[in-house]
Amino acid sequence: MPAPALEFGAGATDPATGTVTDVEYVRNRFDIVAGVRVIMAAAGSPGV
């Protein structure tokens, strides 16, 4: 089974607010979202 694309590190959230505090996780999530947007834009482009 493949490894998950994103994993939380120990103590990755603020217990009081639930806010993600793991900078690497957030950066990776943004990179994945950006990549999916590029794929979706290309898939919707005419003539592709």
PDB file of N, CA and C in Angstrom:
ATOM      1  N   MET A   1       0.849  -1.179   0.000  1.00  0.00           N
ATOM      2  CA  MET A   1       0.000   0.000   0.000  1.00  0.00           C
ATOM      3  C   MET A   1       0.895   1.243   0.000  1.00  0.00           C
ATOM      4  N   PRO A   2       0.595   2.227  -0.850  1.00  0.00           N
ATOM      5  CA  PRO A   2       1.444   3.428  -0.911  1.00  0.00           C
ATOM      6  C   PRO A   2       1.356   4.248   0.376  1.00  0.00           C
ATOM      7  N   ALA A   3       2.409   4.982   0.627  1.00  0.00           N
ATOM      8  CA  ALA A   3       2.435   5.860   1.800  1.00  0.00           C
ATOM      9  C   ALA A   3       1.503   7.042   1.563  1.00  0.00           C
ATOM     10  N   PRO A   4       0.912   7.568   2.627  1.00  0.00           N
ATOM     11  CA  PRO A   4       0.050   8.746   2.470  1.00  0.00           C
ATOM     12  C   PRO A   4       0.837   9.926   1.905  1.00  0.00           C
ATOM     13  N   ALA A   5       0.168  10.748   1.125  1.00  0.00           N
ATOM     14  CA  ALA A   5       0.824  11.925   0.558  1.00  0.00           C
ATOM     15  C   ALA A   5       1.118  12.961   1.638  1.00  0.00           C
ATOM     16  N   LEU A   6       0.274  13.032   2.658  1.00  0.00           N
ATOM     17  CA  LEU A   6       0.447  13.990   3.745  1.00  0.00           C
ATOM     18  C   LEU A   6       0.354  13.271   5.082  1.00  0.00           C
ATOM     19  N   GLU A   7       1.223  13.614   5.979  1.00  0.00           N
ATOM     20  CA  GLU A   7       1.193  13.062   7.328  1.00  0.00           C
ATOM     21  C   GLU A   7       1.453  14.181   8.325  1.00  0.00           C
ATOM     22  N   PHE A   8       0.708  14.157   9.417  1.00  0.00           N
ATOM     23  CA  PHE A   8       0.958  15.095  10.502  1.00  0.00           C
ATOM     24  C   PHE A   8       2.134  14.606  11.321  1.00  0.00           C
ATOM     25  N   GLY A   9       2.992  15.534  11.720  1.00  0.00           N
ATOM     26  CA  GLY A   9       4.046  15.202  12.661  1.00  0.00           C
ATOM     27  C   GLY A   9       3.490  15.245  14.074  1.00  0.00           C
ATOM     28  N   ALA A  10       4.268  14.783  15.019  1.00  0.00           N
ATOM     29  CA  ALA A  10       3.841  14.831  16.418  1.00  0.00           C
ATOM     30  C   ALA A  10       3.629  16.283  16.821  1.00  0.00           C
ATOM     31  N   GLY A  11       2.521  16.567  17.483  1.00  0.00           N
ATOM     32  CA  GLY A  11       2.236  17.929  17.918  1.00  0.00           C
ATOM     33  C   GLY A  11       1.972  18.883  16.774  1.00  0.00           C
ATOM     34  N   ALA A  12       1.340  18.396  15.704  1.00  0.00           N
ATOM     35  CA  ALA A  12       1.154  19.196  14.507  1.00  0.00           C
ATOM     36  C   ALA A  12      -0.017  20.157  14.589  1.00  0.00           C
ATOM     37  N   THR A  13      -0.806  20.083  15.635  1.00  0.00           N
ATOM     38  CA  THR A  13      -1.934  21.004  15.769  1.00  0.00           C
ATOM     39  C   THR A  13      -1.911  21.666  17.136  1.00  0.00           C
ATOM     40  N   ASP A  14      -2.497  22.837  17.196  1.00  0.00           N
ATOM     41  CA  ASP A  14      -2.655  23.552  18.453  1.00  0.00           C
ATOM     42  C   ASP A  14      -3.876  22.956  19.143  1.00  0.00           C
ATOM     43  N   PRO A  15      -3.710  22.322  20.308  1.00  0.00           N
ATOM     44  CA  PRO A  15      -4.839  21.667  20.970  1.00  0.00           C
ATOM     45  C   PRO A  15      -5.986  22.619  21.315  1.00  0.00           C
ATOM     46  N   ALA A  16      -5.684  23.869  21.548  1.00  0.00           N
ATOM     47  CA  ALA A  16      -6.726  24.824  21.934  1.00  0.00           C
ATOM     48  C   ALA A  16      -7.594  25.236  20.752  1.00  0.00           C
ATOM     49  N   THR A  17      -6.996  25.344  19.554  1.00  0.00           N
ATOM     50  CA  THR A  17      -7.739  25.853  18.399  1.00  0.00           C
ATOM     51  C   THR A  17      -7.911  24.840  17.273  1.00  0.00           C
ATOM     52  N   GLY A  18      -7.094  23.784  17.279  1.00  0.00           N
ATOM     53  CA  GLY A  18      -7.127  22.814  16.191  1.00  0.00           C
ATOM     54  C   GLY A  18      -6.389  23.287  14.953  1.00  0.00           C
ATOM     55  N   THR A  19      -5.761  24.454  15.020  1.00  0.00           N
ATOM     56  CA  THR A  19      -5.019  25.015  13.895  1.00  0.00           C
ATOM     57  C   THR A  19      -3.784  24.168  13.609  1.00  0.00           C
ATOM     58  N   VAL A  20      -3.534  23.896  12.334  1.00  0.00           N
ATOM     59  CA  VAL A  20      -2.351  23.143  11.937  1.00  0.00           C
ATOM     60  C   VAL A  20      -1.127  24.026  12.143  1.00  0.00           C
ATOM     61  N   THR A  21      -0.155  23.497  12.871  1.00  0.00           N
ATOM     62  CA  THR A  21       1.051  24.256  13.166  1.00  0.00           C
ATOM     63  C   THR A  21       2.289  23.649  12.508  1.00  0.00           C
ATOM     64  N   ASP A  22       2.116  22.559  11.779  1.00  0.00           N
ATOM     65  CA  ASP A  22       3.223  21.891  11.103  1.00  0.00           C
ATOM     66  C   ASP A  22       3.466  22.587   9.768  1.00  0.00           C
ATOM     67  N   VAL A  23       4.502  23.406   9.700  1.00  0.00           N
ATOM     68  CA  VAL A  23       4.795  24.222   8.522  1.00  0.00           C
ATOM     69  C   VAL A  23       5.041  23.353   7.292  1.00  0.00           C
ATOM     70  N   GLU A  24       5.754  22.261   7.443  1.00  0.00           N
ATOM     71  CA  GLU A  24       6.044  21.376   6.311  1.00  0.00           C
ATOM     72  C   GLU A  24       4.763  20.748   5.768  1.00  0.00           C
ATOM     73  N   TYR A  25       3.860  20.338   6.648  1.00  0.00           N
ATOM     74  CA  TYR A  25       2.572  19.775   6.229  1.00  0.00           C
ATOM     75  C   TYR A  25       1.788  20.801   5.407  1.00  0.00           C
ATOM     76  N   VAL A  26       1.708  22.020   5.913  1.00  0.00           N
ATOM     77  CA  VAL A  26       0.958  23.075   5.225  1.00  0.00           C
ATOM     78  C   VAL A  26       1.575  23.354   3.855  1.00  0.00           C
ATOM     79  N   ARG A  27       2.890  23.448   3.783  1.00  0.00           N
ATOM     80  CA  ARG A  27       3.574  23.703   2.511  1.00  0.00           C
ATOM     81  C   ARG A  27       3.293  22.564   1.523  1.00  0.00           C
ATOM     82  N   ASN A  28       3.373  21.323   1.980  1.00  0.00           N
ATOM     83  CA  ASN A  28       3.108  20.179   1.099  1.00  0.00           C
ATOM     84  C   ASN A  28       1.655  20.170   0.625  1.00  0.00           C
ATOM     85  N   ARG A  29       0.738  20.511   1.520  1.00  0.00           N
ATOM     86  CA  ARG A  29      -0.681  20.550   1.151  1.00  0.00           C
ATOM     87  C   ARG A  29      -0.911  21.610   0.071  1.00  0.00           C
ATOM     88  N   PHE A  30      -0.315  22.788   0.233  1.00  0.00           N
ATOM     89  CA  PHE A  30      -0.452  23.847  -0.772  1.00  0.00           C
ATOM     90  C   PHE A  30       0.134  23.405  -2.116  1.00  0.00           C
ATOM     91  N   ASP A  31       1.279  22.712  -2.084  1.00  0.00           N
ATOM     92  CA  ASP A  31       1.901  22.219  -3.315  1.00  0.00           C
ATOM     93  C   ASP A  31       0.997  21.214  -4.024  1.00  0.00           C
ATOM     94  N   ILE A  32       0.380  20.320  -3.269  1.00  0.00           N
ATOM     95  CA  ILE A  32      -0.519  19.320  -3.855  1.00  0.00           C
ATOM     96  C   ILE A  32      -1.746  19.991  -4.456  1.00  0.00           C
ATOM     97  N   VAL A  33      -2.332  20.943  -3.735  1.00  0.00           N
ATOM     98  CA  VAL A  33      -3.512  21.656  -4.243  1.00  0.00           C
ATOM     99  C   VAL A  33      -3.157  22.406  -5.519  1.00  0.00           C
ATOM    100  N   ALA A  34      -2.007  23.056  -5.550  1.00  0.00           N
ATOM    101  CA  ALA A  34      -1.584  23.785  -6.747  1.00  0.00           C
ATOM    102  C   ALA A  34      -1.415  22.832  -7.930  1.00  0.00           C
ATOM    103  N   GLY A  35      -0.837  21.676  -7.682  1.00  0.00           N
ATOM    104  CA  GLY A  35      -0.654  20.687  -8.741  1.00  0.00           C
ATOM    105  C   GLY A  35      -1.979  20.179  -9.286  1.00  0.00           C
ATOM    106  N   VAL A  36      -2.933  19.935  -8.400  1.00  0.00           N
ATOM    107  CA  VAL A  36      -4.258  19.476  -8.831  1.00  0.00           C
ATOM    108  C   VAL A  36      -4.945  20.564  -9.651  1.00  0.00           C
ATOM    109  N   ARG A  37      -4.796  21.806  -9.259  1.00  0.00           N
ATOM    110  CA  ARG A  37      -5.403  22.906 -10.023  1.00  0.00           C
ATOM    111  C   ARG A  37      -4.832  22.981 -11.439  1.00  0.00           C
ATOM    112  N   VAL A  38      -3.534  22.782 -11.579  1.00  0.00           N
ATOM    113  CA  VAL A  38      -2.905  22.798 -12.899  1.00  0.00           C
ATOM    114  C   VAL A  38      -3.458  21.654 -13.743  1.00  0.00           C
ATOM    115  N   ILE A  39      -3.575  20.477 -13.163  1.00  0.00           N
ATOM    116  CA  ILE A  39      -4.114  19.324 -13.890  1.00  0.00           C
ATOM    117  C   ILE A  39      -5.553  19.579 -14.306  1.00  0.00           C
ATOM    118  N   MET A  40      -6.356  20.110 -13.399  1.00  0.00           N
ATOM    119  CA  MET A  40      -7.760  20.376 -13.710  1.00  0.00           C
ATOM    120  C   MET A  40      -7.891  21.447 -14.794  1.00  0.00           C
ATOM    121  N   ALA A  41      -7.047  22.464 -14.746  1.00  0.00           N
ATOM    122  CA  ALA A  41      -7.088  23.516 -15.768  1.00  0.00           C
ATOM    123  C   ALA A  41      -6.726  22.941 -17.126  1.00  0.00           C
ATOM    124  N   ALA A  42      -5.694  22.089 -17.162  1.00  0.00           N
ATOM    125  CA  ALA A  42      -5.286  21.479 -18.421  1.00  0.00           C
ATOM    126  C   ALA A  42      -6.360  20.536 -18.957  1.00  0.00           C
ATOM    127  N   ALA A  43      -7.014  19.831 -18.061  1.00  0.00           N
ATOM    128  CA  ALA A  43      -8.058  18.895 -18.475  1.00  0.00           C
ATOM    129  C   ALA A  43      -9.270  19.636 -19.046  1.00  0.00           C
ATOM    130  N   GLY A  44      -9.490  20.860 -18.586  1.00  0.00           N
ATOM    131  CA  GLY A  44     -10.626  21.641 -19.063  1.00  0.00           C
ATOM    132  C   GLY A  44     -10.300  22.531 -20.242  1.00  0.00           C
ATOM    133  N   SER A  45      -9.039  22.548 -20.653  1.00  0.00           N
ATOM    134  CA  SER A  45      -8.635  23.418 -21.767  1.00  0.00           C
ATOM    135  C   SER A  45      -9.113  22.841 -23.093  1.00  0.00           C
ATOM    136  N   PRO A  46      -9.637  23.701 -23.950  1.00  0.00           N
ATOM    137  CA  PRO A  46     -10.049  23.225 -25.282  1.00  0.00           C
ATOM    138  C   PRO A  46      -8.841  22.746 -26.086  1.00  0.00           C
ATOM    139  N   GLY A  47      -9.027  21.706 -26.837  1.00  0.00           N
ATOM    140  CA  GLY A  47      -7.970  21.214 -27.715  1.00  0.00           C
ATOM    141  C   GLY A  47      -6.933  20.355 -27.025  1.00  0.00           C
ATOM    142  N   VAL A  48      -7.190  19.963 -25.805  1.00  0.00           N
ATOM    143  CA  VAL A  48      -6.212  19.112 -25.099  1.00  0.00           C
ATOM    144  C   VAL A  48      -6.624  17.682 -25.219  1.00  0.00           C
TER     145      VAL A  48
END
